[in-house]
């Protein structure tokens, strides 16, 4: 019994020892694990700290570069400002010099007047002495005679002095005006390329000429009819000439050809589809062109409708000069002249840019382009000051503001620049337009196009209104009216076209 108790006690002590040893081992492993984790966390923290320091350094370098760039931009801006101030100071010095010269002239004239007064006073005293010797004259009569003689003698001198002053002032004003105009023209110069009546379209392959012509010429006739142009296909390799006096029509035809060649299917139905697509794209392009013109002049609050019409002016010409280019040039020159004359620069620029806006629709609506332009600007809420500035450039309305004189002067300068306009081209285009107007003045005519340099007039009629017999009579009537109203060399072929289409759908 005692032995058993002793063995149990020994086993109990051994078990306690083994348990303690195992716990010590677990505690040691856990301590090592915590120590390793702490080391890993510390290493990770150091790495993050290094990343943060590196990122902070990069940000500091970036901020320093931005500060340096801003400082450089600020320095450039300050240099420009200093340059403008120096220029203004020079201009003020020149103006001060002119004022001193003018002041000297006025002082000299004042001295002359004072001297004349002194001479008159001496003459008056002398006359009094002479009158006192004359018997039978009262003091009142002597005064009247004296005044009459002085008036007669001084009147001619005063007239001469006034004429001299007026001539000097006129010469000075003319000299200053020439200086202002010359400065404005020298500060702005834009090259001019007179518009022509043909555009060359390059084909990727000579074989495409046959496809464009089509069987029995159906494709080319359809394209010419829908675009209002004439396609000239000659022996020039890979080239088609698009002929029309209207640049917009030529651009539509050119864009249509590009789309047809890209599509690959060239047939009347596709031609109609691509012509409509081209016209839609031209509307978007005209808006972009108008927006770019306004942006060039730093004018940002024009209505969208006005911007669209400005874009249309890019496809109108006046005496061979692009109307939009002419208007932009006028706006630049007007702004410079207005600045020199202390007038409203913004009104002058807007009036010049919009002075020919009526030409965008004058071929569609009756009336002069000035009157149409006034109506358009009033309709879309353009200020009265701008309308007053633009409405007088053809002297249809009186000059009511300084800006109206400036816009008119800029119009003359831009139009008179050598190479800007071509009178013979304008006469030629006017004849083509007159041909089309004569044809469209007859009832039943849907469209009319002058082609072949005005030697042929193609007239498309509404088949429901004009029958075959009436088409023959219409051709004679149009030819007769052309003979009686227009002057032209050679002969003009009047071609009346009556087309009937029968369309049905199989379902």
Protein backbone atom coordinates (compact mmCIF):
# COMPACT_ATOMS: atom_id res chain seq x y z
CA UNK A 1 0.00 0.00 0.00
CA UNK A 2 2.79 2.32 0.86
CA UNK A 3 4.63 1.31 -2.28
CA UNK A 4 1.60 2.08 -4.38
CA UNK A 5 1.20 5.45 -2.72
CA UNK A 6 4.83 6.23 -3.33
CA UNK A 7 4.59 5.25 -6.98
CA UNK A 8 1.55 7.42 -7.40
CA UNK A 9 3.36 10.32 -5.78
CA UNK A 10 6.36 9.79 -8.07
CA UNK A 11 4.14 9.63 -11.17
CA UNK A 12 2.32 12.72 -10.04
CA UNK A 13 5.59 14.59 -9.64
CA UNK A 14 6.81 13.33 -13.03
CA UNK A 15 3.48 14.32 -14.66
CA UNK A 16 3.69 17.78 -13.14
CA UNK A 17 7.28 18.10 -14.36
CA UNK A 18 6.42 16.94 -17.86
CA UNK A 19 3.42 19.31 -17.97
CA UNK A 20 5.58 22.21 -16.81
CA UNK A 21 8.17 21.39 -19.43
CA UNK A 22 5.54 21.23 -22.18
CA UNK A 23 4.04 24.55 -21.06
CA UNK A 24 7.49 26.11 -21.05
CA UNK A 25 8.09 24.86 -24.56
CA UNK A 26 4.72 26.25 -25.77
CA UNK A 27 5.37 29.58 -23.99
CA UNK A 28 8.84 29.79 -25.56
CA UNK A 29 7.51 29.07 -29.08
CA UNK A 30 4.72 31.60 -28.64
CA UNK A 31 7.19 34.22 -27.40
CA UNK A 32 9.40 33.52 -30.44
CA UNK A 33 6.37 33.79 -32.75
CA UNK A 34 5.35 37.12 -31.20
CA UNK A 35 8.92 38.38 -31.47
CA UNK A 36 9.08 37.40 -35.16
CA UNK A 37 5.73 39.03 -35.86
CA UNK A 38 6.87 42.17 -34.07
CA UNK A 39 10.02 42.21 -36.19
CA UNK A 40 7.97 41.73 -39.36
CA UNK A 41 5.58 44.53 -38.36
CA UNK A 42 8.54 46.76 -37.57
CA UNK A 43 10.14 46.01 -40.95
CA UNK A 44 6.86 46.63 -42.75
CA UNK A 45 6.42 49.90 -40.84
CA UNK A 46 9.93 50.94 -41.86
CA UNK A 47 9.16 50.10 -45.49
CA UNK A 48 5.91 52.08 -45.40
CA UNK A 49 7.75 54.96 -43.74
CA UNK A 50 10.33 54.91 -46.51
CA UNK A 51 7.57 54.84 -49.16
CA UNK A 52 5.84 57.76 -47.49
CA UNK A 53 9.09 59.71 -47.31
CA UNK A 54 9.81 58.91 -50.98
CA UNK A 55 6.28 59.92 -52.03
CA UNK A 56 6.59 63.12 -49.99
CA UNK A 57 9.91 63.85 -51.70
CA UNK A 58 8.33 63.26 -55.14
CA UNK A 59 5.41 65.51 -54.29
CA UNK A 60 7.81 68.14 -53.03
CA UNK A 61 9.80 67.95 -56.28
CA UNK A 62 6.56 68.12 -58.32
CA UNK A 63 5.30 71.11 -56.32
CA UNK A 64 8.67 72.78 -56.71
CA UNK A 65 8.55 72.26 -60.49
CA UNK A 66 4.99 73.62 -60.64
CA UNK A 67 6.03 76.64 -58.59
CA UNK A 68 9.00 77.19 -60.92
CA UNK A 69 6.73 76.86 -63.97
CA UNK A 70 4.18 79.25 -62.50
CA UNK A 71 7.00 81.66 -61.67
CA UNK A 72 8.31 81.38 -65.24
CA UNK A 73 4.81 81.96 -66.70
CA UNK A 74 4.34 84.89 -64.33
CA UNK A 75 7.67 86.32 -65.44
CA UNK A 76 6.72 85.96 -69.12
CA UNK A 77 3.36 87.63 -68.41
CA UNK A 78 5.11 90.43 -66.53
CA UNK A 79 7.56 90.87 -69.39
CA UNK A 80 4.67 91.14 -71.86
CA UNK A 81 2.90 93.59 -69.60
CA UNK A 82 6.08 95.63 -69.26
CA UNK A 83 6.47 95.61 -73.05
CA UNK A 84 2.90 96.85 -73.51
CA UNK A 85 3.43 99.53 -70.87
CA UNK A 86 6.61 100.71 -72.58
CA UNK A 87 4.75 100.83 -75.89
CA UNK A 88 1.87 102.76 -74.34
CA UNK A 89 4.36 105.11 -72.70
CA UNK A 90 5.96 105.71 -76.09
CA UNK A 91 2.55 106.36 -77.65
CA UNK A 92 1.68 108.76 -74.83
CA UNK A 93 5.00 110.54 -75.33
CA UNK A 94 4.27 110.93 -79.04
CA UNK A 95 0.76 112.18 -78.26
CA UNK A 96 2.17 114.62 -75.69
CA UNK A 97 4.62 115.92 -78.29
CA UNK A 98 1.77 116.42 -80.78
CA UNK A 99 -0.23 118.25 -78.12
CA UNK A 100 2.72 120.53 -77.38
CA UNK A 101 3.05 121.34 -81.07
CA UNK A 102 -0.68 122.01 -81.29
CA UNK A 103 -0.54 124.14 -78.16
CA UNK A 104 2.30 126.16 -79.69
CA UNK A 105 0.22 126.74 -82.81
CA UNK A 106 -2.73 127.91 -80.73
CA UNK A 107 -0.54 130.24 -78.67
CA UNK A 108 0.89 131.69 -81.88
CA UNK A 109 -2.64 132.24 -83.20
CA UNK A 110 -3.65 133.89 -79.93
CA UNK A 111 -0.66 136.22 -80.17
CA UNK A 112 -1.68 137.06 -83.74
CA UNK A 113 -5.20 137.87 -82.61
CA UNK A 114 -3.83 140.05 -79.79
CA UNK A 115 -1.60 141.88 -82.24
CA UNK A 116 -4.56 142.40 -84.58
CA UNK A 117 -6.57 143.81 -81.69
CA UNK A 118 -3.75 146.17 -80.85
CA UNK A 119 -3.55 147.35 -84.46
CA UNK A 120 -7.31 147.88 -84.50
CA UNK A 121 -7.06 149.93 -81.32
CA UNK A 122 -4.33 152.12 -82.83
CA UNK A 123 -6.33 152.50 -86.02
CA UNK A 124 -9.39 153.48 -83.99
CA UNK A 125 -7.46 156.18 -82.15
CA UNK A 126 -6.08 157.49 -85.43
CA UNK A 127 -9.54 157.60 -87.00
CA UNK A 128 -10.88 159.46 -83.99
CA UNK A 129 -8.17 162.07 -84.36
CA UNK A 130 -8.97 162.48 -88.06
CA UNK A 131 -12.72 162.68 -87.39
CA UNK A 132 -12.22 165.32 -84.77
CA UNK A 133 -10.73 167.55 -87.49
CA UNK A 134 -13.70 167.08 -89.80
CA UNK A 135 -16.38 169.67 -89.31
CA UNK A 136 -20.06 168.88 -89.20
CA UNK A 137 -19.78 165.34 -87.80
CA UNK A 138 -21.24 164.43 -84.48
CA UNK A 139 -19.62 161.95 -82.17
CA UNK A 140 -22.26 159.30 -82.91
CA UNK A 141 -21.82 159.64 -86.68
CA UNK A 142 -18.06 159.46 -86.30
CA UNK A 143 -18.40 156.23 -84.27
CA UNK A 144 -20.66 154.65 -86.90
CA UNK A 145 -18.26 155.50 -89.75
CA UNK A 146 -15.32 154.20 -87.73
CA UNK A 147 -17.04 150.91 -86.95
CA UNK A 148 -18.06 150.46 -90.59
CA UNK A 149 -14.52 151.00 -91.86
CA UNK A 150 -13.04 148.62 -89.26
CA UNK A 151 -15.55 145.94 -90.18
CA UNK A 152 -14.76 146.21 -93.86
CA UNK A 153 -11.01 146.06 -93.29
CA UNK A 154 -11.13 143.24 -90.71
CA UNK A 155 -13.69 141.07 -92.49
CA UNK A 156 -11.30 139.93 -95.22
CA UNK A 157 -8.51 139.27 -92.71
CA UNK A 158 -10.82 137.19 -90.50
CA UNK A 159 -12.00 135.13 -93.47
CA UNK A 160 -8.40 134.43 -94.50
CA UNK A 161 -7.47 133.41 -90.94
CA UNK A 162 -10.46 131.05 -90.69
CA UNK A 163 -9.68 129.47 -94.06
CA UNK A 164 -6.06 128.97 -93.03
CA UNK A 165 -7.07 127.35 -89.73
CA UNK A 166 -9.61 125.12 -91.48
CA UNK A 167 -7.06 123.95 -94.06
CA UNK A 168 -4.44 123.22 -91.40
CA UNK A 169 -6.96 121.28 -89.34
CA UNK A 170 -8.12 119.29 -92.39
CA UNK A 171 -4.53 118.42 -93.35
CA UNK A 172 -3.80 117.30 -89.80
CA UNK A 173 -6.93 115.14 -89.63
CA UNK A 174 -6.16 113.51 -92.98
CA UNK A 175 -2.58 112.81 -91.91
CA UNK A 176 -3.75 111.21 -88.65
CA UNK A 177 -6.41 109.11 -90.41
CA UNK A 178 -3.88 107.80 -92.94
CA UNK A 179 -1.54 106.93 -90.08
CA UNK A 180 -4.28 104.99 -88.25
CA UNK A 181 -5.38 103.10 -91.37
CA UNK A 182 -1.79 102.24 -92.33
CA UNK A 183 -1.05 100.98 -88.83
CA UNK A 184 -4.16 98.76 -88.80
CA UNK A 185 -3.41 97.27 -92.22
CA UNK A 186 0.22 96.60 -91.34
CA UNK A 187 -0.70 94.90 -88.06
CA UNK A 188 -3.03 92.46 -89.80
CA UNK A 189 -2.47 90.75 -93.13
CA UNK A 190 -4.24 87.68 -94.48
CA UNK A 191 -3.46 86.05 -97.80
CA UNK A 192 -6.19 86.01 -100.43
CA UNK A 193 -6.88 83.28 -102.93
CA UNK A 194 -9.56 84.15 -105.44
CA UNK A 195 -12.16 81.39 -105.71
CA UNK A 196 -12.44 79.51 -109.01
CA UNK A 197 -15.32 77.58 -110.51
CA UNK A 198 -13.79 74.09 -110.63
CA UNK A 199 -12.46 71.61 -108.09
CA UNK A 200 -10.24 68.62 -108.87
CA UNK A 201 -11.11 65.27 -107.31
CA UNK A 202 -8.44 62.57 -107.32
CA UNK A 203 -9.54 58.97 -107.86
CA UNK A 204 -7.67 56.07 -106.27
CA UNK A 205 -7.97 54.12 -109.53
CA UNK A 206 -8.58 54.95 -113.20
CA UNK A 207 -11.16 52.12 -113.37
CA UNK A 208 -13.54 54.10 -111.15
CA UNK A 209 -14.27 56.57 -113.97
CA UNK A 210 -16.40 53.96 -115.72
CA UNK A 211 -18.34 53.19 -112.54
CA UNK A 212 -18.97 56.88 -111.90
CA UNK A 213 -20.28 57.36 -115.44
CA UNK A 214 -22.48 54.24 -115.15
CA UNK A 215 -24.47 52.42 -117.78
CA UNK A 216 -25.56 54.90 -120.45
CA UNK A 217 -24.35 57.71 -118.16
CA UNK A 218 -27.07 57.18 -115.53
CA UNK A 219 -24.79 57.55 -112.51
CA UNK A 220 -23.07 60.75 -113.60
CA UNK A 221 -26.36 62.34 -114.67
CA UNK A 222 -27.93 61.53 -111.32
CA UNK A 223 -25.00 62.97 -109.41
CA UNK A 224 -24.96 66.13 -111.56
CA UNK A 225 -28.70 66.62 -111.14
CA UNK A 226 -28.75 66.13 -107.37
CA UNK A 227 -25.63 68.19 -106.63
CA UNK A 228 -26.19 70.92 -109.22
CA UNK A 229 -22.69 70.53 -110.64
CA UNK A 230 -21.07 69.28 -113.82
CA UNK A 231 -18.54 66.45 -113.72
CA UNK A 232 -15.84 66.71 -116.37
CA UNK A 233 -14.15 63.38 -117.05
CA UNK A 234 -11.32 63.74 -119.54
CA UNK A 235 -8.02 62.03 -120.25
CA UNK A 236 -6.33 63.39 -117.13
CA UNK A 237 -5.31 60.26 -115.19
CA UNK A 238 -7.15 59.55 -111.91
CA UNK A 239 -8.82 62.99 -111.91
CA UNK A 240 -12.37 64.31 -112.21
CA UNK A 241 -13.15 68.04 -112.46
CA UNK A 242 -16.20 69.27 -110.54
CA UNK A 243 -17.54 72.45 -112.18
CA UNK A 244 -19.98 74.91 -110.57
CA UNK A 245 -19.94 78.59 -109.66
CA UNK A 246 -21.32 77.68 -106.20
CA UNK A 247 -18.52 76.42 -103.86
CA UNK A 248 -21.08 74.70 -101.61
CA UNK A 249 -22.39 72.58 -104.48
CA UNK A 250 -18.84 71.60 -105.46
CA UNK A 251 -18.07 70.60 -101.87
CA UNK A 252 -21.24 68.47 -101.65
CA UNK A 253 -20.35 66.73 -104.93
CA UNK A 254 -16.79 66.11 -103.75
CA UNK A 255 -17.92 64.70 -100.41
CA UNK A 256 -20.49 62.50 -102.19
CA UNK A 257 -17.79 61.04 -104.45
CA UNK A 258 -15.64 60.25 -101.42
CA UNK A 259 -18.53 58.41 -99.76
CA UNK A 260 -19.44 56.48 -102.92
CA UNK A 261 -15.85 55.33 -103.48
CA UNK A 262 -15.57 54.28 -99.84
CA UNK A 263 -18.88 52.37 -100.05
CA UNK A 264 -17.98 50.76 -103.39
CA UNK A 265 -21.58 50.62 -104.66
CA UNK A 266 -22.07 53.37 -107.24
CA UNK A 267 -25.65 53.43 -108.48
CA UNK A 268 -28.47 56.03 -108.63
CA UNK A 269 -30.13 54.92 -105.39
CA UNK A 270 -26.81 55.05 -103.50
CA UNK A 271 -25.97 58.38 -105.08
CA UNK A 272 -29.20 59.90 -103.74
CA UNK A 273 -28.46 58.49 -100.29
CA UNK A 274 -24.87 59.77 -100.23
CA UNK A 275 -25.85 63.21 -101.50
CA UNK A 276 -28.24 63.60 -98.57
CA UNK A 277 -25.55 62.39 -96.15
CA UNK A 278 -23.08 64.85 -97.64
CA UNK A 279 -25.54 67.73 -97.23
CA UNK A 280 -26.07 66.77 -93.58
CA UNK A 281 -22.32 66.66 -92.94
CA UNK A 282 -21.91 70.02 -94.66
CA UNK A 283 -24.38 71.55 -92.19
CA UNK A 284 -22.24 70.30 -89.29
CA UNK A 285 -19.05 71.47 -90.97
CA UNK A 286 -20.51 74.95 -91.57
CA UNK A 287 -21.33 75.28 -87.86
CA UNK A 288 -17.78 74.27 -86.94
CA UNK A 289 -16.35 76.81 -89.41
CA UNK A 290 -18.57 79.58 -88.00
CA UNK A 291 -17.62 78.66 -84.45
CA UNK A 292 -13.93 78.73 -85.35
CA UNK A 293 -14.30 82.19 -86.94
CA UNK A 294 -16.00 83.59 -83.83
CA UNK A 295 -13.35 81.98 -81.60
CA UNK A 296 -10.56 83.56 -83.67
CA UNK A 297 -12.04 86.98 -82.88
CA UNK A 298 -12.72 86.11 -79.20
CA UNK A 299 -16.49 86.48 -79.68
CA UNK A 300 -18.20 83.77 -77.63
CA UNK A 301 -21.86 84.75 -77.11
CA UNK A 302 -23.28 84.66 -80.63
CA UNK A 303 -26.51 82.66 -81.12
CA UNK A 304 -26.11 79.24 -82.72
CA UNK A 305 -28.18 80.33 -85.72
CA UNK A 306 -25.82 83.24 -86.39
CA UNK A 307 -22.79 80.92 -86.10
CA UNK A 308 -24.39 78.53 -88.62
CA UNK A 309 -24.91 81.39 -91.08
CA UNK A 310 -21.30 82.52 -90.60
CA UNK A 311 -20.20 79.03 -91.61
CA UNK A 312 -22.31 79.28 -94.77
CA UNK A 313 -20.44 82.46 -95.72
CA UNK A 314 -17.32 80.31 -96.13
CA UNK A 315 -18.97 78.94 -99.26
CA UNK A 316 -19.99 82.32 -100.71
CA UNK A 317 -17.78 84.65 -102.73
CA UNK A 318 -17.87 88.34 -103.59
CA UNK A 319 -15.89 89.31 -106.67
CA UNK A 320 -13.93 86.08 -106.20
CA UNK A 321 -13.15 86.88 -102.54
CA UNK A 322 -14.30 84.45 -99.85
CA UNK A 323 -16.97 86.30 -97.86
CA UNK A 324 -16.10 84.75 -94.47
CA UNK A 325 -12.38 85.46 -94.93
CA UNK A 326 -13.28 89.02 -95.93
CA UNK A 327 -15.49 89.42 -92.83
CA UNK A 328 -12.82 88.07 -90.45
CA UNK A 329 -10.21 90.39 -91.93
CA UNK A 330 -12.61 93.33 -91.59
CA UNK A 331 -13.24 92.45 -87.94
CA UNK A 332 -9.52 92.45 -87.13
CA UNK A 333 -8.91 95.76 -88.93
CA UNK A 334 -12.03 97.36 -87.39
CA UNK A 335 -10.95 96.35 -83.89
CA UNK A 336 -7.50 97.89 -84.38
CA UNK A 337 -8.91 101.10 -85.84
CA UNK A 338 -11.50 101.39 -83.07
CA UNK A 339 -8.76 100.97 -80.48
CA UNK A 340 -6.72 103.76 -82.06
CA UNK A 341 -9.75 106.06 -82.25
CA UNK A 342 -10.99 105.26 -78.70
CA UNK A 343 -14.25 103.85 -80.09
CA UNK A 344 -16.05 100.67 -78.95
CA UNK A 345 -13.74 97.87 -80.11
CA UNK A 346 -16.24 95.05 -79.43
CA UNK A 347 -19.05 96.72 -81.38
CA UNK A 348 -16.75 97.48 -84.30
CA UNK A 349 -15.49 93.87 -84.47
CA UNK A 350 -18.98 92.38 -84.28
CA UNK A 351 -20.38 94.83 -86.82
CA UNK A 352 -17.59 93.97 -89.27
CA UNK A 353 -17.90 90.20 -88.76
CA UNK A 354 -21.68 90.27 -89.30
CA UNK A 355 -21.86 92.99 -91.99
CA UNK A 356 -22.42 90.47 -94.83
CA UNK A 357 -24.49 87.91 -92.85
CA UNK A 358 -27.41 88.52 -95.23
CA UNK A 359 -25.40 87.01 -98.09
CA UNK A 360 -25.83 83.60 -96.46
CA UNK A 361 -29.51 83.61 -97.52
CA UNK A 362 -29.82 86.34 -100.18
CA UNK A 363 -29.98 83.70 -102.93
CA UNK A 364 -32.97 82.10 -101.16
CA UNK A 365 -34.93 85.18 -99.98
CA UNK A 366 -35.63 88.39 -101.89
CA UNK A 367 -34.06 91.62 -100.66
CA UNK A 368 -30.63 93.20 -100.40
CA UNK A 369 -28.10 91.46 -98.20
CA UNK A 370 -27.93 94.54 -95.94
CA UNK A 371 -31.68 94.50 -95.28
CA UNK A 372 -31.70 90.72 -94.81
CA UNK A 373 -28.74 91.01 -92.43
CA UNK A 374 -30.55 93.61 -90.31
CA UNK A 375 -33.62 91.37 -90.06
CA UNK A 376 -31.52 88.34 -89.09
CA UNK A 377 -29.62 90.22 -86.39
CA UNK A 378 -32.81 91.72 -84.94
CA UNK A 379 -34.50 88.32 -84.96
CA UNK A 380 -31.75 86.71 -82.86
CA UNK A 381 -31.36 89.58 -80.40
CA UNK A 382 -28.09 91.16 -81.56
CA UNK A 383 -27.64 94.62 -80.02
CA UNK A 384 -28.77 97.76 -81.86
CA UNK A 385 -25.24 99.18 -81.63
CA UNK A 386 -23.89 96.29 -83.73
CA UNK A 387 -26.74 96.66 -86.26
CA UNK A 388 -26.03 100.39 -86.55
CA UNK A 389 -22.35 99.61 -87.15
CA UNK A 390 -23.00 97.11 -89.98
CA UNK A 391 -25.97 98.62 -91.82
CA UNK A 392 -24.14 101.58 -93.40
CA UNK A 393 -21.30 99.80 -95.23
CA UNK A 394 -23.07 100.30 -98.59
CA UNK A 395 -24.54 103.66 -97.49
CA UNK A 396 -28.10 102.31 -97.65
CA UNK A 397 -28.52 103.72 -94.14
CA UNK A 398 -26.97 106.91 -92.71
CA UNK A 399 -23.82 106.75 -90.61
CA UNK A 400 -25.13 107.05 -87.06
CA UNK A 401 -22.15 105.97 -84.91
CA UNK A 402 -18.35 106.16 -85.08
CA UNK A 403 -18.26 102.38 -85.41
CA UNK A 404 -20.34 102.57 -88.63
CA UNK A 405 -17.64 104.73 -90.23
CA UNK A 406 -14.96 102.29 -89.03
CA UNK A 407 -16.74 99.22 -90.45
CA UNK A 408 -17.24 100.94 -93.81
CA UNK A 409 -13.57 101.96 -93.96
CA UNK A 410 -12.48 98.40 -93.09
CA UNK A 411 -14.77 97.04 -95.83
CA UNK A 412 -13.12 99.30 -98.41
CA UNK A 413 -9.61 98.38 -97.19
CA UNK A 414 -10.25 94.64 -97.31
CA UNK A 415 -11.94 94.76 -100.71
CA UNK A 416 -9.37 97.08 -102.30
CA UNK A 417 -6.32 95.06 -101.26
CA UNK A 418 -4.46 93.91 -104.43
CA UNK A 419 -5.46 90.38 -105.39
CA UNK A 420 -8.41 90.23 -103.01
CA UNK A 421 -11.12 90.43 -105.67
CA UNK A 422 -11.57 89.68 -109.32
CA UNK A 423 -14.22 91.68 -111.16
CA UNK A 424 -14.39 89.44 -114.23
CA UNK A 425 -15.10 86.39 -112.10
CA UNK A 426 -17.90 88.19 -110.29
CA UNK A 427 -19.49 89.21 -113.59
CA UNK A 428 -19.25 85.61 -114.76
CA UNK A 429 -20.84 84.26 -111.57
CA UNK A 430 -23.56 86.91 -111.71
CA UNK A 431 -24.45 85.80 -115.22
CA UNK A 432 -24.76 82.20 -114.04
CA UNK A 433 -26.96 83.27 -111.13
CA UNK A 434 -29.13 85.38 -113.44
CA UNK A 435 -29.59 82.36 -115.73
CA UNK A 436 -30.85 80.25 -112.83
CA UNK A 437 -33.12 83.04 -111.55
CA UNK A 438 -34.73 83.43 -114.98
CA UNK A 439 -35.45 79.69 -115.17
CA UNK A 440 -36.84 79.40 -111.64
CA UNK A 441 -39.14 82.40 -112.22
CA UNK A 442 -41.41 80.22 -114.42
CA UNK A 443 -44.19 78.21 -112.71
CA UNK A 444 -43.66 74.47 -112.50
CA UNK A 445 -39.84 74.70 -112.39
CA UNK A 446 -38.38 72.77 -109.45
CA UNK A 447 -34.61 73.37 -109.88
CA UNK A 448 -32.30 75.01 -112.38
CA UNK A 449 -28.54 74.70 -112.77
CA UNK A 450 -26.22 76.69 -115.05
CA UNK A 451 -23.37 74.41 -116.15
CA UNK A 452 -20.63 74.24 -118.80
CA UNK A 453 -19.44 77.76 -117.91
CA UNK A 454 -22.92 79.13 -118.57
CA UNK A 455 -23.28 77.57 -122.02
CA UNK A 456 -26.02 75.17 -120.83
CA UNK A 457 -28.99 75.63 -118.52
CA UNK A 458 -30.56 72.47 -117.11
CA UNK A 459 -34.12 72.99 -115.89
CA UNK A 460 -35.89 70.30 -113.83
CA UNK A 461 -39.68 70.60 -113.80
CA UNK A 462 -42.46 69.04 -111.73
CA UNK A 463 -44.00 66.32 -113.97
CA UNK A 464 -47.46 66.73 -112.43
CA UNK A 465 -47.54 70.41 -113.48
CA UNK A 466 -45.63 70.33 -116.78
CA UNK A 467 -46.48 67.80 -119.50
CA UNK A 468 -44.31 66.93 -122.51
CA UNK A 469 -45.86 69.55 -124.79
CA UNK A 470 -45.59 72.23 -122.11
CA UNK A 471 -41.91 71.28 -121.53
CA UNK A 472 -41.13 72.15 -125.17
CA UNK A 473 -42.94 75.46 -124.86
CA UNK A 474 -41.19 76.18 -121.54
CA UNK A 475 -37.76 75.70 -123.13
CA UNK A 476 -38.65 78.24 -125.84
CA UNK A 477 -40.04 80.70 -123.28
CA UNK A 478 -36.93 80.50 -121.09
CA UNK A 479 -34.64 80.92 -124.12
CA UNK A 480 -36.65 83.97 -125.23
CA UNK A 481 -36.45 85.60 -121.83
CA UNK A 482 -32.69 84.98 -121.66
CA UNK A 483 -32.26 86.62 -125.08
CA UNK A 484 -34.25 89.70 -124.02
CA UNK A 485 -32.74 90.23 -120.54
CA UNK A 486 -29.11 89.03 -120.64
CA UNK A 487 -26.00 89.88 -122.63
CA UNK A 488 -23.71 86.92 -123.32
CA UNK A 489 -21.25 85.66 -125.91
CA UNK A 490 -22.11 82.68 -128.12
CA UNK A 491 -25.24 80.66 -127.41
CA UNK A 492 -26.89 79.04 -124.38
CA UNK A 493 -28.53 75.63 -124.54
CA UNK A 494 -31.77 75.39 -122.51
CA UNK A 495 -32.37 71.77 -121.50
CA UNK A 496 -35.78 71.13 -119.84
CA UNK A 497 -35.88 67.75 -118.06
CA UNK A 498 -39.18 66.11 -117.06
CA UNK A 499 -38.61 62.92 -115.07
CA UNK A 500 -41.35 60.51 -113.98
CA UNK A 501 -40.72 57.73 -111.46
CA UNK A 502 -43.01 54.81 -110.76
CA UNK A 503 -42.36 53.29 -107.34
CA UNK A 504 -44.05 50.25 -105.81
CA UNK A 505 -43.10 47.90 -102.97
CA UNK A 506 -43.33 44.08 -103.03
CA UNK A 507 -44.36 42.74 -99.66
